Amino acid sequence: MRLRAMGADRYANGFEVTLQEDLLNVPLGWIKPRLVFVNSMSDLLHESVPVEYIAQIFEVMNQCPQHTFQILTKRSQRVMELADRFLWTDNIWMGVS
């Protein structure tokens, strides 16, 4: 895979689901508003992503009302199954393709 070959450490596992827990709190340090594409190279609602991890991501998004978080998924069924577990603040945009 090209990203792994280029030495991109975050892609050492290729496209295997890999949780990047060290990046969860990064948006808390941003002051200037940003548009954040959550999981731009993956799918937050993938069945291998634990619900607890998704909940941590929602907690951070809820704490950062100055930023807009865009989540795109192909897993509409999982969105419907989990939607009531999270607080959907106005700065969270969900899209399904």
PDB file of N, CA and C in Angstrom:
ATOM      1  N   MET A   1       0.832  -1.180   0.000  1.00  0.00           N
ATOM      2  CA  MET A   1       0.000   0.000   0.000  1.00  0.00           C
ATOM      3  C   MET A   1       0.882   1.251   0.000  1.00  0.00           C
ATOM      4  N   ARG A   2       0.464   2.223  -0.753  1.00  0.00           N
ATOM      5  CA  ARG A   2       1.282   3.417  -0.960  1.00  0.00           C
ATOM      6  C   ARG A   2       1.560   4.190   0.325  1.00  0.00           C
ATOM      7  N   LEU A   3       0.548   4.414   1.175  1.00  0.00           N
ATOM      8  CA  LEU A   3       0.771   5.187   2.400  1.00  0.00           C
ATOM      9  C   LEU A   3       1.744   4.483   3.342  1.00  0.00           C
ATOM     10  N   ARG A   4       1.636   3.193   3.443  1.00  0.00           N
ATOM     11  CA  ARG A   4       2.561   2.426   4.288  1.00  0.00           C
ATOM     12  C   ARG A   4       3.971   2.508   3.700  1.00  0.00           C
ATOM     13  N   ALA A   5       4.065   2.365   2.376  1.00  0.00           N
ATOM     14  CA  ALA A   5       5.365   2.417   1.696  1.00  0.00           C
ATOM     15  C   ALA A   5       6.024   3.787   1.853  1.00  0.00           C
ATOM     16  N   MET A   6       5.204   4.833   1.978  1.00  0.00           N
ATOM     17  CA  MET A   6       5.735   6.185   2.144  1.00  0.00           C
ATOM     18  C   MET A   6       6.157   6.454   3.585  1.00  0.00           C
ATOM     19  N   GLY A   7       5.933   5.468   4.459  1.00  0.00           N
ATOM     20  CA  GLY A   7       6.347   5.636   5.849  1.00  0.00           C
ATOM     21  C   GLY A   7       5.319   6.314   6.721  1.00  0.00           C
ATOM     22  N   ALA A   8       4.057   6.355   6.293  1.00  0.00           N
ATOM     23  CA  ALA A   8       2.994   6.948   7.106  1.00  0.00           C
ATOM     24  C   ALA A   8       2.661   5.970   8.234  1.00  0.00           C
ATOM     25  N   ASP A   9       3.182   6.242   9.420  1.00  0.00           N
ATOM     26  CA  ASP A   9       3.051   5.323  10.551  1.00  0.00           C
ATOM     27  C   ASP A   9       1.604   4.973  10.887  1.00  0.00           C
ATOM     28  N   ARG A  10       0.712   5.891  10.690  1.00  0.00           N
ATOM     29  CA  ARG A  10      -0.696   5.639  11.032  1.00  0.00           C
ATOM     30  C   ARG A  10      -1.340   4.604  10.112  1.00  0.00           C
ATOM     31  N   TYR A  11      -0.670   4.247   9.042  1.00  0.00           N
ATOM     32  CA  TYR A  11      -1.199   3.242   8.107  1.00  0.00           C
ATOM     33  C   TYR A  11      -0.351   1.978   8.110  1.00  0.00           C
ATOM     34  N   ALA A  12       0.336   1.723   9.222  1.00  0.00           N
ATOM     35  CA  ALA A  12       1.173   0.527   9.334  1.00  0.00           C
ATOM     36  C   ALA A  12       0.355  -0.746   9.165  1.00  0.00           C
ATOM     37  N   ASN A  13      -0.925  -0.695   9.534  1.00  0.00           N
ATOM     38  CA  ASN A  13      -1.816  -1.852   9.401  1.00  0.00           C
ATOM     39  C   ASN A  13      -2.618  -1.819   8.104  1.00  0.00           C
ATOM     40  N   GLY A  14      -2.188  -1.002   7.171  1.00  0.00           N
ATOM     41  CA  GLY A  14      -2.941  -0.874   5.921  1.00  0.00           C
ATOM     42  C   GLY A  14      -4.310  -0.274   6.215  1.00  0.00           C
ATOM     43  N   PHE A  15      -5.340  -0.859   5.649  1.00  0.00           N
ATOM     44  CA  PHE A  15      -6.684  -0.344   5.879  1.00  0.00           C
ATOM     45  C   PHE A  15      -7.450  -1.160   6.909  1.00  0.00           C
ATOM     46  N   GLU A  16      -6.713  -1.906   7.736  1.00  0.00           N
ATOM     47  CA  GLU A  16      -7.318  -2.610   8.855  1.00  0.00           C
ATOM     48  C   GLU A  16      -7.797  -1.565   9.863  1.00  0.00           C
ATOM     49  N   VAL A  17      -8.944  -1.801  10.492  1.00  0.00           N
ATOM     50  CA  VAL A  17      -9.455  -0.847  11.480  1.00  0.00           C
ATOM     51  C   VAL A  17      -8.440  -0.713  12.607  1.00  0.00           C
ATOM     52  N   THR A  18      -7.997   0.514  12.841  1.00  0.00           N
ATOM     53  CA  THR A  18      -7.010   0.815  13.867  1.00  0.00           C
ATOM     54  C   THR A  18      -7.485   2.049  14.625  1.00  0.00           C
ATOM     55  N   LEU A  19      -7.641   1.922  15.933  1.00  0.00           N
ATOM     56  CA  LEU A  19      -8.083   3.058  16.742  1.00  0.00           C
ATOM     57  C   LEU A  19      -6.887   3.960  17.034  1.00  0.00           C
ATOM     58  N   GLN A  20      -7.069   5.251  16.802  1.00  0.00           N
ATOM     59  CA  GLN A  20      -6.000   6.239  17.015  1.00  0.00           C
ATOM     60  C   GLN A  20      -6.338   7.038  18.273  1.00  0.00           C
ATOM     61  N   GLU A  21      -6.305   6.378  19.413  1.00  0.00           N
ATOM     62  CA  GLU A  21      -6.750   6.988  20.667  1.00  0.00           C
ATOM     63  C   GLU A  21      -5.941   8.219  21.064  1.00  0.00           C
ATOM     64  N   ASP A  22      -4.699   8.300  20.628  1.00  0.00           N
ATOM     65  CA  ASP A  22      -3.867   9.448  20.974  1.00  0.00           C
ATOM     66  C   ASP A  22      -4.326  10.732  20.285  1.00  0.00           C
ATOM     67  N   LEU A  23      -5.217  10.620  19.304  1.00  0.00           N
ATOM     68  CA  LEU A  23      -5.698  11.803  18.585  1.00  0.00           C
ATOM     69  C   LEU A  23      -7.070  12.284  19.057  1.00  0.00           C
ATOM     70  N   LEU A  24      -7.703  11.533  19.948  1.00  0.00           N
ATOM     71  CA  LEU A  24      -9.073  11.860  20.359  1.00  0.00           C
ATOM     72  C   LEU A  24      -9.236  13.287  20.867  1.00  0.00           C
ATOM     73  N   ASN A  25      -8.327  13.754  21.679  1.00  0.00           N
ATOM     74  CA  ASN A  25      -8.491  15.057  22.325  1.00  0.00           C
ATOM     75  C   ASN A  25      -7.882  16.228  21.561  1.00  0.00           C
ATOM     76  N   VAL A  26      -7.329  15.984  20.403  1.00  0.00           N
ATOM     77  CA  VAL A  26      -6.686  17.053  19.635  1.00  0.00           C
ATOM     78  C   VAL A  26      -7.630  18.240  19.387  1.00  0.00           C
ATOM     79  N   PRO A  27      -8.890  18.034  18.984  1.00  0.00           N
ATOM     80  CA  PRO A  27      -9.767  19.190  18.733  1.00  0.00           C
ATOM     81  C   PRO A  27     -10.004  20.078  19.954  1.00  0.00           C
ATOM     82  N   LEU A  28      -9.824  19.543  21.152  1.00  0.00           N
ATOM     83  CA  LEU A  28     -10.012  20.347  22.366  1.00  0.00           C
ATOM     84  C   LEU A  28      -9.007  21.486  22.456  1.00  0.00           C
ATOM     85  N   GLY A  29      -7.885  21.359  21.791  1.00  0.00           N
ATOM     86  CA  GLY A  29      -6.848  22.391  21.825  1.00  0.00           C
ATOM     87  C   GLY A  29      -6.963  23.436  20.731  1.00  0.00           C
ATOM     88  N   TRP A  30      -7.864  23.214  19.789  1.00  0.00           N
ATOM     89  CA  TRP A  30      -8.030  24.174  18.701  1.00  0.00           C
ATOM     90  C   TRP A  30      -8.972  25.295  19.133  1.00  0.00           C
ATOM     91  N   ILE A  31      -8.550  26.514  18.956  1.00  0.00           N
ATOM     92  CA  ILE A  31      -9.372  27.666  19.318  1.00  0.00           C
ATOM     93  C   ILE A  31     -10.192  28.138  18.114  1.00  0.00           C
ATOM     94  N   LYS A  32      -9.500  28.366  16.992  1.00  0.00           N
ATOM     95  CA  LYS A  32     -10.158  28.849  15.774  1.00  0.00           C
ATOM     96  C   LYS A  32     -11.097  27.766  15.231  1.00  0.00           C
ATOM     97  N   PRO A  33     -12.349  28.130  14.882  1.00  0.00           N
ATOM     98  CA  PRO A  33     -13.308  27.142  14.363  1.00  0.00           C
ATOM     99  C   PRO A  33     -12.789  26.429  13.117  1.00  0.00           C
ATOM    100  N   ARG A  34     -13.069  25.140  13.058  1.00  0.00           N
ATOM    101  CA  ARG A  34     -12.640  24.312  11.926  1.00  0.00           C
ATOM    102  C   ARG A  34     -13.779  23.400  11.489  1.00  0.00           C
ATOM    103  N   LEU A  35     -13.717  23.001  10.230  1.00  0.00           N
ATOM    104  CA  LEU A  35     -14.574  21.942   9.715  1.00  0.00           C
ATOM    105  C   LEU A  35     -13.735  20.677   9.761  1.00  0.00           C
ATOM    106  N   VAL A  36     -14.186  19.691  10.509  1.00  0.00           N
ATOM    107  CA  VAL A  36     -13.417  18.474  10.726  1.00  0.00           C
ATOM    108  C   VAL A  36     -14.117  17.299  10.056  1.00  0.00           C
ATOM    109  N   PHE A  37     -13.427  16.655   9.143  1.00  0.00           N
ATOM    110  CA  PHE A  37     -13.948  15.456   8.485  1.00  0.00           C
ATOM    111  C   PHE A  37     -13.514  14.276   9.353  1.00  0.00           C
ATOM    112  N   VAL A  38     -14.431  13.759  10.142  1.00  0.00           N
ATOM    113  CA  VAL A  38     -14.143  12.673  11.068  1.00  0.00           C
ATOM    114  C   VAL A  38     -13.916  11.386  10.277  1.00  0.00           C
ATOM    115  N   ASN A  39     -12.810  10.721  10.545  1.00  0.00           N
ATOM    116  CA  ASN A  39     -12.485   9.459   9.880  1.00  0.00           C
ATOM    117  C   ASN A  39     -12.457   9.594   8.359  1.00  0.00           C
ATOM    118  N   SER A  40     -11.692  10.520   7.869  1.00  0.00           N
ATOM    119  CA  SER A  40     -11.666  10.765   6.431  1.00  0.00           C
ATOM    120  C   SER A  40     -11.163   9.570   5.620  1.00  0.00           C
ATOM    121  N   MET A  41     -10.396   8.684   6.219  1.00  0.00           N
ATOM    122  CA  MET A  41      -9.878   7.521   5.496  1.00  0.00           C
ATOM    123  C   MET A  41     -10.523   6.218   5.979  1.00  0.00           C
ATOM    124  N   SER A  42     -11.630   6.343   6.714  1.00  0.00           N
ATOM    125  CA  SER A  42     -12.283   5.150   7.248  1.00  0.00           C
ATOM    126  C   SER A  42     -13.758   5.451   7.510  1.00  0.00           C
ATOM    127  N   ASP A  43     -14.412   4.591   8.262  1.00  0.00           N
ATOM    128  CA  ASP A  43     -15.829   4.756   8.561  1.00  0.00           C
ATOM    129  C   ASP A  43     -16.026   4.601  10.061  1.00  0.00           C
ATOM    130  N   LEU A  44     -16.389   5.679  10.733  1.00  0.00           N
ATOM    131  CA  LEU A  44     -16.584   5.665  12.177  1.00  0.00           C
ATOM    132  C   LEU A  44     -17.595   4.608  12.611  1.00  0.00           C
ATOM    133  N   LEU A  45     -18.556   4.302  11.765  1.00  0.00           N
ATOM    134  CA  LEU A  45     -19.610   3.360  12.114  1.00  0.00           C
ATOM    135  C   LEU A  45     -19.312   1.928  11.655  1.00  0.00           C
ATOM    136  N   HIS A  46     -18.078   1.661  11.268  1.00  0.00           N
ATOM    137  CA  HIS A  46     -17.678   0.301  10.887  1.00  0.00           C
ATOM    138  C   HIS A  46     -17.965  -0.633  12.053  1.00  0.00           C
ATOM    139  N   GLU A  47     -18.397  -1.838  11.764  1.00  0.00           N
ATOM    140  CA  GLU A  47     -18.773  -2.783  12.811  1.00  0.00           C
ATOM    141  C   GLU A  47     -17.608  -3.156  13.732  1.00  0.00           C
ATOM    142  N   SER A  48     -16.374  -2.937  13.310  1.00  0.00           N
ATOM    143  CA  SER A  48     -15.212  -3.249  14.154  1.00  0.00           C
ATOM    144  C   SER A  48     -14.847  -2.106  15.103  1.00  0.00           C
ATOM    145  N   VAL A  49     -15.494  -0.951  14.961  1.00  0.00           N
ATOM    146  CA  VAL A  49     -15.214   0.172  15.856  1.00  0.00           C
ATOM    147  C   VAL A  49     -16.110   0.021  17.091  1.00  0.00           C
ATOM    148  N   PRO A  50     -15.511  -0.132  18.278  1.00  0.00           N
ATOM    149  CA  PRO A  50     -16.314  -0.323  19.489  1.00  0.00           C
ATOM    150  C   PRO A  50     -17.200   0.880  19.802  1.00  0.00           C
ATOM    151  N   VAL A  51     -18.376   0.597  20.306  1.00  0.00           N
ATOM    152  CA  VAL A  51     -19.329   1.659  20.668  1.00  0.00           C
ATOM    153  C   VAL A  51     -18.699   2.609  21.682  1.00  0.00           C
ATOM    154  N   GLU A  52     -17.900   2.092  22.596  1.00  0.00           N
ATOM    155  CA  GLU A  52     -17.257   2.926  23.608  1.00  0.00           C
ATOM    156  C   GLU A  52     -16.316   3.952  22.974  1.00  0.00           C
ATOM    157  N   TYR A  53     -15.647   3.554  21.910  1.00  0.00           N
ATOM    158  CA  TYR A  53     -14.744   4.458  21.208  1.00  0.00           C
ATOM    159  C   TYR A  53     -15.537   5.541  20.477  1.00  0.00           C
ATOM    160  N   ILE A  54     -16.618   5.147  19.849  1.00  0.00           N
ATOM    161  CA  ILE A  54     -17.497   6.125  19.179  1.00  0.00           C
ATOM    162  C   ILE A  54     -18.025   7.113  20.217  1.00  0.00           C
ATOM    163  N   ALA A  55     -18.390   6.614  21.391  1.00  0.00           N
ATOM    164  CA  ALA A  55     -18.890   7.488  22.464  1.00  0.00           C
ATOM    165  C   ALA A  55     -17.832   8.506  22.876  1.00  0.00           C
ATOM    166  N   GLN A  56     -16.571   8.096  22.942  1.00  0.00           N
ATOM    167  CA  GLN A  56     -15.493   9.031  23.284  1.00  0.00           C
ATOM    168  C   GLN A  56     -15.384  10.132  22.227  1.00  0.00           C
ATOM    169  N   ILE A  57     -15.524   9.769  20.979  1.00  0.00           N
ATOM    170  CA  ILE A  57     -15.458  10.750  19.895  1.00  0.00           C
ATOM    171  C   ILE A  57     -16.613  11.742  20.017  1.00  0.00           C
ATOM    172  N   PHE A  58     -17.807  11.243  20.304  1.00  0.00           N
ATOM    173  CA  PHE A  58     -18.956  12.131  20.481  1.00  0.00           C
ATOM    174  C   PHE A  58     -18.753  13.067  21.664  1.00  0.00           C
ATOM    175  N   GLU A  59     -18.162  12.585  22.740  1.00  0.00           N
ATOM    176  CA  GLU A  59     -17.898  13.444  23.894  1.00  0.00           C
ATOM    177  C   GLU A  59     -17.006  14.617  23.509  1.00  0.00           C
ATOM    178  N   VAL A  60     -15.967  14.351  22.740  1.00  0.00           N
ATOM    179  CA  VAL A  60     -15.068  15.427  22.303  1.00  0.00           C
ATOM    180  C   VAL A  60     -15.819  16.390  21.388  1.00  0.00           C
ATOM    181  N   MET A  61     -16.589  15.861  20.431  1.00  0.00           N
ATOM    182  CA  MET A  61     -17.338  16.736  19.521  1.00  0.00           C
ATOM    183  C   MET A  61     -18.325  17.600  20.295  1.00  0.00           C
ATOM    184  N   ASN A  62     -18.956  17.050  21.306  1.00  0.00           N
ATOM    185  CA  ASN A  62     -19.903  17.808  22.128  1.00  0.00           C
ATOM    186  C   ASN A  62     -19.220  18.920  22.911  1.00  0.00           C
ATOM    187  N   GLN A  63     -17.958  18.719  23.260  1.00  0.00           N
ATOM    188  CA  GLN A  63     -17.200  19.717  24.025  1.00  0.00           C
ATOM    189  C   GLN A  63     -16.610  20.823  23.156  1.00  0.00           C
ATOM    190  N   CYS A  64     -16.762  20.709  21.837  1.00  0.00           N
ATOM    191  CA  CYS A  64     -16.143  21.664  20.910  1.00  0.00           C
ATOM    192  C   CYS A  64     -17.198  22.308  20.002  1.00  0.00           C
ATOM    193  N   PRO A  65     -18.101  23.106  20.553  1.00  0.00           N
ATOM    194  CA  PRO A  65     -19.166  23.683  19.730  1.00  0.00           C
ATOM    195  C   PRO A  65     -18.665  24.665  18.669  1.00  0.00           C
ATOM    196  N   GLN A  66     -17.427  25.136  18.798  1.00  0.00           N
ATOM    197  CA  GLN A  66     -16.874  26.064  17.814  1.00  0.00           C
ATOM    198  C   GLN A  66     -16.491  25.365  16.507  1.00  0.00           C
ATOM    199  N   HIS A  67     -16.363  24.052  16.537  1.00  0.00           N
ATOM    200  CA  HIS A  67     -15.993  23.279  15.351  1.00  0.00           C
ATOM    201  C   HIS A  67     -17.219  22.571  14.789  1.00  0.00           C
ATOM    202  N   THR A  68     -17.187  22.314  13.493  1.00  0.00           N
ATOM    203  CA  THR A  68     -18.224  21.516  12.837  1.00  0.00           C
ATOM    204  C   THR A  68     -17.594  20.187  12.463  1.00  0.00           C
ATOM    205  N   PHE A  69     -18.221  19.099  12.894  1.00  0.00           N
ATOM    206  CA  PHE A  69     -17.705  17.755  12.647  1.00  0.00           C
ATOM    207  C   PHE A  69     -18.597  17.054  11.634  1.00  0.00           C
ATOM    208  N   GLN A  70     -18.006  16.650  10.535  1.00  0.00           N
ATOM    209  CA  GLN A  70     -18.732  15.958   9.471  1.00  0.00           C
ATOM    210  C   GLN A  70     -18.371  14.478   9.522  1.00  0.00           C
ATOM    211  N   ILE A  71     -19.406  13.630   9.657  1.00  0.00           N
ATOM    212  CA  ILE A  71     -19.223  12.181   9.682  1.00  0.00           C
ATOM    213  C   ILE A  71     -19.948  11.611   8.474  1.00  0.00           C
ATOM    214  N   LEU A  72     -19.243  10.849   7.665  1.00  0.00           N
ATOM    215  CA  LEU A  72     -19.853  10.174   6.527  1.00  0.00           C
ATOM    216  C   LEU A  72     -19.730   8.673   6.730  1.00  0.00           C
ATOM    217  N   THR A  73     -20.803   7.950   6.442  1.00  0.00           N
ATOM    218  CA  THR A  73     -20.803   6.504   6.624  1.00  0.00           C
ATOM    219  C   THR A  73     -21.610   5.831   5.525  1.00  0.00           C
ATOM    220  N   LYS A  74     -21.376   4.563   5.356  1.00  0.00           N
ATOM    221  CA  LYS A  74     -22.186   3.736   4.461  1.00  0.00           C
ATOM    222  C   LYS A  74     -23.066   2.806   5.281  1.00  0.00           C
ATOM    223  N   ARG A  75     -23.020   2.951   6.589  1.00  0.00           N
ATOM    224  CA  ARG A  75     -23.689   2.027   7.498  1.00  0.00           C
ATOM    225  C   ARG A  75     -24.875   2.689   8.176  1.00  0.00           C
ATOM    226  N   SER A  76     -25.909   2.948   7.416  1.00  0.00           N
ATOM    227  CA  SER A  76     -27.100   3.620   7.946  1.00  0.00           C
ATOM    228  C   SER A  76     -27.775   2.809   9.046  1.00  0.00           C
ATOM    229  N   GLN A  77     -27.742   1.497   8.935  1.00  0.00           N
ATOM    230  CA  GLN A  77     -28.369   0.653   9.952  1.00  0.00           C
ATOM    231  C   GLN A  77     -27.689   0.828  11.307  1.00  0.00           C
ATOM    232  N   ARG A  78     -26.378   0.893  11.299  1.00  0.00           N
ATOM    233  CA  ARG A  78     -25.664   1.068  12.577  1.00  0.00           C
ATOM    234  C   ARG A  78     -25.916   2.454  13.147  1.00  0.00           C
ATOM    235  N   VAL A  79     -26.034   3.464  12.288  1.00  0.00           N
ATOM    236  CA  VAL A  79     -26.374   4.810  12.770  1.00  0.00           C
ATOM    237  C   VAL A  79     -27.702   4.752  13.507  1.00  0.00           C
ATOM    238  N   MET A  80     -28.687   4.108  12.919  1.00  0.00           N
ATOM    239  CA  MET A  80     -30.015   4.026  13.533  1.00  0.00           C
ATOM    240  C   MET A  80     -29.973   3.241  14.847  1.00  0.00           C
ATOM    241  N   GLU A  81     -29.169   2.196  14.891  1.00  0.00           N
ATOM    242  CA  GLU A  81     -29.065   1.378  16.108  1.00  0.00           C
ATOM    243  C   GLU A  81     -28.403   2.133  17.260  1.00  0.00           C
ATOM    244  N   LEU A  82     -27.452   2.999  16.948  1.00  0.00           N
ATOM    245  CA  LEU A  82     -26.669   3.663  17.986  1.00  0.00           C
ATOM    246  C   LEU A  82     -27.071   5.113  18.256  1.00  0.00           C
ATOM    247  N   ALA A  83     -27.882   5.695  17.418  1.00  0.00           N
ATOM    248  CA  ALA A  83     -28.169   7.133  17.481  1.00  0.00           C
ATOM    249  C   ALA A  83     -28.615   7.613  18.855  1.00  0.00           C
ATOM    250  N   ASP A  84     -29.436   6.854  19.532  1.00  0.00           N
ATOM    251  CA  ASP A  84     -29.967   7.285  20.829  1.00  0.00           C
ATOM    252  C   ASP A  84     -28.938   7.247  21.955  1.00  0.00           C
ATOM    253  N   ARG A  85     -27.798   6.661  21.712  1.00  0.00           N
ATOM    254  CA  ARG A  85     -26.761   6.556  22.745  1.00  0.00           C
ATOM    255  C   ARG A  85     -25.906   7.811  22.852  1.00  0.00           C
ATOM    256  N   PHE A  86     -26.009   8.691  21.853  1.00  0.00           N
ATOM    257  CA  PHE A  86     -25.118   9.845  21.795  1.00  0.00           C
ATOM    258  C   PHE A  86     -25.898  11.148  21.781  1.00  0.00           C
ATOM    259  N   LEU A  87     -25.234  12.207  22.235  1.00  0.00           N
ATOM    260  CA  LEU A  87     -25.789  13.552  22.165  1.00  0.00           C
ATOM    261  C   LEU A  87     -25.392  14.151  20.817  1.00  0.00           C
ATOM    262  N   TRP A  88     -26.405  14.497  20.024  1.00  0.00           N
ATOM    263  CA  TRP A  88     -26.173  15.039  18.677  1.00  0.00           C
ATOM    264  C   TRP A  88     -26.297  16.569  18.737  1.00  0.00           C
ATOM    265  N   THR A  89     -25.203  17.228  19.072  1.00  0.00           N
ATOM    266  CA  THR A  89     -25.201  18.683  19.113  1.00  0.00           C
ATOM    267  C   THR A  89     -25.244  19.235  17.682  1.00  0.00           C
ATOM    268  N   ASP A  90     -25.602  20.493  17.555  1.00  0.00           N
ATOM    269  CA  ASP A  90     -25.775  21.113  16.235  1.00  0.00           C
ATOM    270  C   ASP A  90     -24.504  21.139  15.394  1.00  0.00           C
ATOM    271  N   ASN A  91     -23.359  20.957  16.005  1.00  0.00           N
ATOM    272  CA  ASN A  91     -22.091  21.008  15.275  1.00  0.00           C
ATOM    273  C   ASN A  91     -21.679  19.645  14.703  1.00  0.00           C
ATOM    274  N   ILE A  92     -22.558  18.649  14.797  1.00  0.00           N
ATOM    275  CA  ILE A  92     -22.273  17.326  14.267  1.00  0.00           C
ATOM    276  C   ILE A  92     -23.167  17.087  13.059  1.00  0.00           C
ATOM    277  N   TRP A  93     -22.549  16.902  11.909  1.00  0.00           N
ATOM    278  CA  TRP A  93     -23.276  16.630  10.668  1.00  0.00           C
ATOM    279  C   TRP A  93     -23.058  15.169  10.293  1.00  0.00           C
ATOM    280  N   MET A  94     -24.142  14.450  10.067  1.00  0.00           N
ATOM    281  CA  MET A  94     -24.058  13.038   9.683  1.00  0.00           C
ATOM    282  C   MET A  94     -24.542  12.897   8.261  1.00  0.00           C
ATOM    283  N   GLY A  95     -23.784  12.181   7.460  1.00  0.00           N
ATOM    284  CA  GLY A  95     -24.190  11.898   6.088  1.00  0.00           C
ATOM    285  C   GLY A  95     -24.075  10.405   5.819  1.00  0.00           C
ATOM    286  N   VAL A  96     -25.001   9.880   5.029  1.00  0.00           N
ATOM    287  CA  VAL A  96     -24.998   8.465   4.674  1.00  0.00           C
ATOM    288  C   VAL A  96     -25.023   8.351   3.153  1.00  0.00           C
ATOM    289  N   SER A  97     -24.125   7.512   2.642  1.00  0.00           N
ATOM    290  CA  SER A  97     -24.103   7.303   1.186  1.00  0.00           C
ATOM    291  C   SER A  97     -24.486   5.876   0.859  1.00  0.00           C
TER     292      SER A  97
END
